[in-house]
C-alpha cells in the first residue's frame, strides 16, 4: 500500500504517519525505486494499534512504551496493567480539570447579562485573570447604580 492507502486503512493521516516514522514510533518502511513508501499488512496493523492508543488518550511517549510491550512476547501483563492504571489516573485528572473549566465558564455565563451593552464579565475575567468573585466590581454601570440598572 502507498501512504494514502495506508492512511485510509488505518484512519491516521498521511502527515501523522510520516511523523510517527520520523520519531521512530513505526520503523522505516519499504520504498519504491522512486522513494515512495510501501506499507505491508504488518505496518497497517501497527498503525491501527497506534490509532487505538491515541483514541484512548495515551501520549506518543506512552504509545512507544506500549508498542515495545506489545512486540515483546516475554512481557508481563502486570507491566501493561500498571501503565493502564497510571493512564486512568491521568484521565481522571483531566476530567477534573475539564469539570472545573465547565464550572468557571458556566458561572461567568450566568453573570453575563447577554444584552446589547458592552460590559461583559466573561471577557473581563479572561482579560484580567481575576475570578469574578474576587474582582472589585463597579457599583455603577453607565451612570446608573447597579441596584437600579434596567435588565
Protein backbone atom coordinates (compact mmCIF):
# COMPACT_ATOMS: atom_id res chain seq x y z
CA UNK A 1 0.00 0.00 0.00
CA UNK A 2 1.12 3.54 -0.61
CA UNK A 3 0.85 6.15 2.16
CA UNK A 4 -2.58 7.34 1.03
CA UNK A 5 -3.95 3.82 1.14
CA UNK A 6 -2.27 3.22 4.50
CA UNK A 7 -3.82 6.41 5.84
CA UNK A 8 -7.27 5.33 4.71
CA UNK A 9 -6.86 1.80 6.06
CA UNK A 10 -5.54 2.93 9.44
CA UNK A 11 -7.57 6.10 9.99
CA UNK A 12 -4.35 8.09 10.51
CA UNK A 13 -3.49 10.97 8.21
CA UNK A 14 -0.50 10.64 5.90
CA UNK A 15 1.12 13.57 7.69
CA UNK A 16 0.86 11.78 11.05
CA UNK A 17 2.14 8.53 9.55
CA UNK A 18 5.23 10.40 8.33
CA UNK A 19 5.60 11.97 11.78
CA UNK A 20 5.34 8.60 13.53
CA UNK A 21 8.03 7.28 11.20
CA UNK A 22 10.25 10.35 11.79
CA UNK A 23 10.11 9.92 15.58
CA UNK A 24 10.64 6.17 15.39
CA UNK A 25 7.20 5.09 16.58
CA UNK A 26 7.00 2.97 13.47
CA UNK A 27 10.10 1.65 11.80
CA UNK A 28 11.21 2.68 8.35
CA UNK A 29 9.02 1.11 5.70
CA UNK A 30 9.97 -0.29 2.34
CA UNK A 31 10.29 2.17 -0.52
CA UNK A 32 9.92 2.01 -4.24
CA UNK A 33 12.81 2.89 -6.55
CA UNK A 34 11.24 6.34 -6.79
CA UNK A 35 11.29 6.70 -2.99
CA UNK A 36 7.58 6.23 -2.31
CA UNK A 37 6.69 4.46 0.92
CA UNK A 38 5.19 0.98 0.73
CA UNK A 39 3.24 -0.31 3.71
CA UNK A 40 2.82 -4.01 4.41
CA UNK A 41 -0.12 -5.50 6.33
CA UNK A 42 2.09 -5.64 9.44
CA UNK A 43 2.68 -1.87 9.17
CA UNK A 44 -1.06 -1.24 8.87
CA UNK A 45 -1.65 -3.42 11.92
CA UNK A 46 0.91 -1.35 13.87
CA UNK A 47 -0.74 1.88 12.70
CA UNK A 48 -4.08 0.52 13.92
CA UNK A 49 -2.53 -0.16 17.32
CA UNK A 50 -1.21 3.41 17.42
CA UNK A 51 -4.59 4.83 16.37
CA UNK A 52 -6.46 2.92 19.07
CA UNK A 53 -3.88 4.00 21.66
CA UNK A 54 -4.27 7.65 20.62
CA UNK A 55 -8.06 7.29 20.76
CA UNK A 56 -7.63 6.19 24.38
CA UNK A 57 -5.63 9.33 25.07
CA UNK A 58 -2.19 7.80 25.50
CA UNK A 59 0.71 10.16 24.83
CA UNK A 60 3.11 9.44 21.99
CA UNK A 61 5.76 8.54 24.57
CA UNK A 62 3.44 6.07 26.26
CA UNK A 63 2.41 4.60 22.91
CA UNK A 64 6.07 3.89 22.25
CA UNK A 65 6.24 2.03 25.56
CA UNK A 66 3.05 0.14 24.75
CA UNK A 67 4.43 -0.81 21.34
CA UNK A 68 7.57 -2.20 23.00
CA UNK A 69 5.45 -4.28 25.36
CA UNK A 70 3.17 -5.39 22.51
CA UNK A 71 6.14 -6.60 20.49
CA UNK A 72 7.80 -8.31 23.48
CA UNK A 73 6.25 -11.76 23.75
CA UNK A 74 8.01 -12.30 27.09
CA UNK A 75 6.34 -9.25 28.62
CA UNK A 76 4.48 -9.37 31.90
CA UNK A 77 0.84 -8.38 31.72
CA UNK A 78 1.35 -6.65 35.06
CA UNK A 79 3.55 -4.07 33.30
CA UNK A 80 0.78 -3.32 30.84
CA UNK A 81 -1.81 -3.16 33.60
CA UNK A 82 0.37 -0.74 35.61
CA UNK A 83 0.60 1.56 32.58
CA UNK A 84 -3.14 1.35 32.03
CA UNK A 85 -3.92 2.22 35.65
CA UNK A 86 -1.46 5.13 35.57
CA UNK A 87 -3.24 6.35 32.45
CA UNK A 88 -6.60 6.08 34.22
CA UNK A 89 -5.25 8.47 36.88
CA UNK A 90 -4.10 10.90 34.17
CA UNK A 91 -7.53 10.75 32.53
CA UNK A 92 -9.31 11.29 35.87
CA UNK A 93 -7.14 14.36 36.50
CA UNK A 94 -8.01 15.72 33.04
CA UNK A 95 -11.70 15.11 33.70
CA UNK A 96 -11.46 17.03 36.99
CA UNK A 97 -9.71 19.91 35.21
CA UNK A 98 -12.35 19.97 32.48
CA UNK A 99 -15.15 19.92 35.06
CA UNK A 100 -13.51 22.90 36.75
CA UNK A 101 -13.40 24.73 33.43
CA UNK A 102 -17.06 23.97 32.80
CA UNK A 103 -17.99 25.36 36.22
CA UNK A 104 -15.94 28.52 35.66
CA UNK A 105 -17.32 29.22 32.20
CA UNK A 106 -20.87 28.45 33.34
CA UNK A 107 -20.53 30.82 36.31
CA UNK A 108 -19.22 33.54 34.01
CA UNK A 109 -22.05 32.97 31.54
CA UNK A 110 -24.55 33.17 34.40
CA UNK A 111 -23.11 36.57 35.38
CA UNK A 112 -23.32 37.97 31.87
CA UNK A 113 -26.45 39.92 31.06
CA UNK A 114 -26.21 38.81 27.46
CA UNK A 115 -27.76 42.03 26.21
CA UNK A 116 -26.60 44.81 23.89
CA UNK A 117 -24.38 46.52 26.49
CA UNK A 118 -20.61 46.16 26.10
CA UNK A 119 -19.93 45.22 29.75
CA UNK A 120 -19.01 41.54 29.78
CA UNK A 121 -17.81 39.65 32.87
CA UNK A 122 -16.64 36.79 30.67
CA UNK A 123 -14.19 38.94 28.72
CA UNK A 124 -13.17 40.80 31.88
CA UNK A 125 -12.27 37.52 33.59
CA UNK A 126 -10.29 36.29 30.58
CA UNK A 127 -8.51 39.65 30.30
CA UNK A 128 -7.58 40.07 33.96
CA UNK A 129 -7.42 36.52 35.20
CA UNK A 130 -9.18 37.74 38.33
CA UNK A 131 -12.09 35.46 39.23
CA UNK A 132 -15.40 37.24 39.20
CA UNK A 133 -15.94 36.85 42.94
CA UNK A 134 -12.52 38.46 43.64
CA UNK A 135 -12.87 41.37 41.24
CA UNK A 136 -13.82 44.77 42.54
CA UNK A 137 -16.98 45.14 40.51
CA UNK A 138 -18.07 48.67 39.74
CA UNK A 139 -21.10 49.88 41.60
CA UNK A 140 -22.39 51.83 38.63
CA UNK A 141 -22.95 50.95 35.02
CA UNK A 142 -23.07 53.90 32.66
CA UNK A 143 -24.02 56.27 35.47
CA UNK A 144 -26.84 54.05 36.74
CA UNK A 145 -26.35 52.34 40.09
CA UNK A 146 -26.10 48.55 39.95
CA UNK A 147 -29.25 48.19 42.03
CA UNK A 148 -31.34 50.36 39.66
CA UNK A 149 -29.91 49.04 36.41
CA UNK A 150 -32.57 48.12 33.84
CA UNK A 151 -32.46 44.49 32.70
